[in-house]
Amino acid sequence: MKPRPCDLPTNALLRSYREAGAYTDCYAAEVRAHVSHAQYVEAFYTTFVFRTERVLLKWLVAKPSTDAEAHRLARGELDSFAAWTVEARAPDQLLMADSVGRTKSWLMIAPKGDAGTRLYFGSAVVPVRGKAGRPTLGRSYNALLGVHKLYSAVLLSAAVAKLTKTSRAARTNP
């Protein structure tokens, strides 16, 4: 299943931001394998796509990160990674906040029995007070929203591909 926009699950850690008026989105895809939350988080942050983002973060905002740190983050041994810090964890979810606190990234799994695992990825952008005193995302966030949506689907697709490849390799090399 290709990543598709969907509603936030009722128990999503990201839901509090939606209820507070922040911009939120949610994408879901399924893999035909049993995937733990730690496997998903590690796969997500170590895909080629996200590694490219990590290189940019290293050079643009001096926030380097490694695959080993992604592994430790996934297992709950690390509370910061690249430009993010852990805001909340649950056994099936991870909510990260950027270093400024304006954007949030969220990862969640939902087992689908013998059918595999549903993977969720979502974001939140916390509004700020505009010149008129009303909440706004700001011009730059509004201008980049279309790119953000495309990039979210690409990130989730890359994680699905990596997890699918890993599960195939595990089945053929037990």
Protein backbone atom coordinates (compact mmCIF):
# COMPACT_ATOMS: atom_id res chain seq x y z
CA MET A 1 0.00 0.00 0.00
CA LYS A 2 1.39 3.39 -1.00
CA PRO A 3 1.34 6.12 1.65
CA ARG A 4 -1.98 7.93 1.72
CA PRO A 5 -3.31 10.79 3.80
CA CYS A 6 -5.62 9.58 6.57
CA ASP A 7 -7.23 10.67 9.82
CA LEU A 8 -5.16 10.60 12.97
CA PRO A 9 -5.90 7.53 15.08
CA THR A 10 -7.82 8.40 18.24
CA ASN A 11 -4.86 7.48 20.46
CA ALA A 12 -2.25 9.39 18.42
CA LEU A 13 0.20 11.43 20.49
CA LEU A 14 -0.08 14.08 17.76
CA ARG A 15 -3.81 14.54 18.42
CA SER A 16 -3.30 17.11 21.20
CA TYR A 17 -1.75 19.47 18.65
CA ARG A 18 -4.71 19.12 16.29
CA GLU A 19 -7.08 19.81 19.17
CA ALA A 20 -5.05 22.92 20.09
CA GLY A 21 -5.42 24.32 16.55
CA ALA A 22 -2.06 23.40 15.05
CA TYR A 23 -1.72 22.20 11.48
CA THR A 24 -1.47 18.40 11.53
CA ASP A 25 -1.26 15.74 8.88
CA CYS A 26 -1.17 11.97 8.92
CA TYR A 27 -0.07 9.41 6.33
CA ALA A 28 -0.39 5.64 6.50
CA ALA A 29 1.01 2.68 4.60
CA GLU A 30 1.08 -1.03 5.23
CA VAL A 31 3.84 -3.61 5.06
CA ARG A 32 3.18 -7.33 4.78
CA ALA A 33 5.41 -8.14 7.71
CA HIS A 34 5.33 -7.88 11.46
CA VAL A 35 7.32 -4.74 12.29
CA SER A 36 8.11 -3.52 15.77
CA HIS A 37 7.98 0.15 16.59
CA ALA A 38 11.76 0.17 17.11
CA GLN A 39 12.30 -1.41 13.68
CA TYR A 40 10.08 1.23 12.07
CA VAL A 41 11.77 4.18 13.78
CA GLU A 42 15.24 2.92 12.89
CA ALA A 43 14.26 2.19 9.29
CA PHE A 44 12.62 5.60 8.91
CA TYR A 45 15.62 7.57 10.13
CA THR A 46 18.19 5.49 8.21
CA THR A 47 16.65 5.51 4.73
CA PHE A 48 18.59 7.16 1.92
CA VAL A 49 15.99 9.94 1.86
CA PHE A 50 16.33 10.78 5.53
CA ARG A 51 20.10 10.39 5.47
CA THR A 52 20.11 13.18 2.89
CA GLU A 53 18.10 15.36 5.27
CA ARG A 54 20.54 14.49 8.04
CA VAL A 55 23.47 15.68 5.92
CA LEU A 56 21.67 18.98 5.30
CA LEU A 57 20.96 19.37 9.01
CA LYS A 58 24.59 18.73 9.80
CA TRP A 59 25.75 21.49 7.47
CA LEU A 60 22.93 24.02 7.81
CA VAL A 61 22.21 23.94 11.55
CA ALA A 62 25.19 22.02 12.99
CA LYS A 63 23.00 19.09 14.10
CA PRO A 64 24.88 15.94 13.03
CA SER A 65 23.49 12.43 13.55
CA THR A 66 24.42 8.84 12.77
CA ASP A 67 22.72 5.54 12.02
CA ALA A 68 23.96 4.30 15.41
CA GLU A 69 22.10 7.19 17.07
CA ALA A 70 18.96 6.32 15.08
CA HIS A 71 19.29 2.76 16.42
CA ARG A 72 19.58 4.06 20.00
CA LEU A 73 16.64 6.46 19.53
CA ALA A 74 14.50 3.61 18.23
CA ARG A 75 15.25 1.53 21.32
CA GLY A 76 14.53 4.37 23.74
CA GLU A 77 18.18 4.86 24.70
CA LEU A 78 18.44 8.38 23.28
CA ASP A 79 16.18 11.41 23.70
CA SER A 80 17.61 13.64 20.99
CA PHE A 81 18.43 12.97 17.37
CA ALA A 82 19.67 15.42 14.75
CA ALA A 83 17.49 18.55 15.15
CA TRP A 84 14.79 16.84 17.26
CA THR A 85 14.18 15.86 20.85
CA VAL A 86 11.74 13.29 22.13
CA GLU A 87 8.59 14.97 23.38
CA ALA A 88 6.62 11.80 24.16
CA ARG A 89 6.84 8.04 23.77
CA ALA A 90 4.39 5.19 23.95
CA PRO A 91 5.05 1.51 23.18
CA ASP A 92 3.79 2.02 19.61
CA GLN A 93 4.55 5.74 19.07
CA LEU A 94 7.23 8.41 19.09
CA LEU A 95 6.62 12.16 19.06
CA MET A 96 9.61 14.39 18.30
CA ALA A 97 9.89 18.20 18.51
CA ASP A 98 12.31 20.26 16.45
CA SER A 99 14.90 22.37 18.25
CA VAL A 100 12.68 25.48 17.96
CA GLY A 101 9.49 23.69 19.06
CA ARG A 102 7.40 24.76 16.06
CA THR A 103 7.30 21.46 14.19
CA LYS A 104 6.62 17.96 15.42
CA SER A 105 7.22 14.58 13.80
CA TRP A 106 5.29 11.50 14.83
CA LEU A 107 5.71 7.79 14.06
CA MET A 108 3.27 5.03 15.05
CA ILE A 109 2.62 1.39 14.21
CA ALA A 110 -0.58 -0.66 14.36
CA PRO A 111 -0.32 -4.44 13.96
CA LYS A 112 -2.74 -5.86 11.36
CA GLY A 113 -2.66 -9.47 12.56
CA ASP A 114 -1.41 -11.85 9.89
CA ALA A 115 -1.78 -9.10 7.27
CA GLY A 116 1.28 -7.19 8.56
CA THR A 117 1.70 -3.76 10.09
CA ARG A 118 0.21 -0.35 9.40
CA LEU A 119 2.77 2.45 9.63
CA TYR A 120 1.78 6.03 10.39
CA PHE A 121 3.79 9.20 9.92
CA GLY A 122 2.52 12.65 10.74
CA SER A 123 3.56 16.19 11.47
CA ALA A 124 2.33 19.21 13.34
CA VAL A 125 3.17 22.87 12.86
CA VAL A 126 2.44 25.01 15.89
CA PRO A 127 1.03 28.42 14.94
CA VAL A 128 2.49 31.69 16.15
CA ARG A 129 0.74 35.05 16.70
CA GLY A 130 0.66 37.09 13.51
CA LYS A 131 0.74 40.88 13.20
CA ALA A 132 -3.02 41.04 13.77
CA GLY A 133 -2.67 38.88 16.90
CA ARG A 134 -4.29 35.85 15.28
CA PRO A 135 -2.61 32.43 15.08
CA THR A 136 -0.79 31.81 11.80
CA LEU A 137 1.61 29.25 10.41
CA GLY A 138 3.57 32.02 8.73
CA ARG A 139 4.36 32.66 5.09
CA SER A 140 7.25 30.22 4.81
CA TYR A 141 5.26 27.31 6.25
CA ASN A 142 2.27 28.09 4.04
CA ALA A 143 4.48 28.39 0.96
CA LEU A 144 6.17 25.05 1.63
CA LEU A 145 3.07 23.07 2.63
CA GLY A 146 2.70 21.33 -0.75
CA VAL A 147 6.37 20.31 -0.74
CA HIS A 148 6.01 19.13 2.86
CA LYS A 149 3.09 16.85 1.95
CA LEU A 150 4.99 15.32 -0.96
CA TYR A 151 8.11 14.88 1.17
CA SER A 152 6.10 13.18 3.94
CA ALA A 153 4.81 10.59 1.46
CA VAL A 154 8.34 10.08 0.08
CA LEU A 155 9.76 9.57 3.60
CA LEU A 156 7.11 7.00 4.47
CA SER A 157 7.56 5.24 1.10
CA ALA A 158 11.29 4.95 1.74
CA ALA A 159 10.68 3.41 5.17
CA VAL A 160 8.16 0.94 3.71
CA ALA A 161 10.64 -0.07 1.01
CA LYS A 162 13.43 -0.56 3.54
CA LEU A 163 11.26 -2.62 5.90
CA THR A 164 9.91 -4.71 3.02
CA LYS A 165 13.44 -5.44 1.80
CA THR A 166 14.57 -6.31 5.34
CA SER A 167 11.62 -8.67 5.93
CA ARG A 168 12.21 -10.43 2.58
CA ALA A 169 15.87 -10.90 3.41
CA ALA A 170 14.93 -12.32 6.84
CA ARG A 171 12.52 -14.83 5.22
CA THR A 172 15.10 -16.05 2.71
CA ASN A 173 18.02 -16.14 5.19
CA PRO A 174 16.51 -17.39 8.47
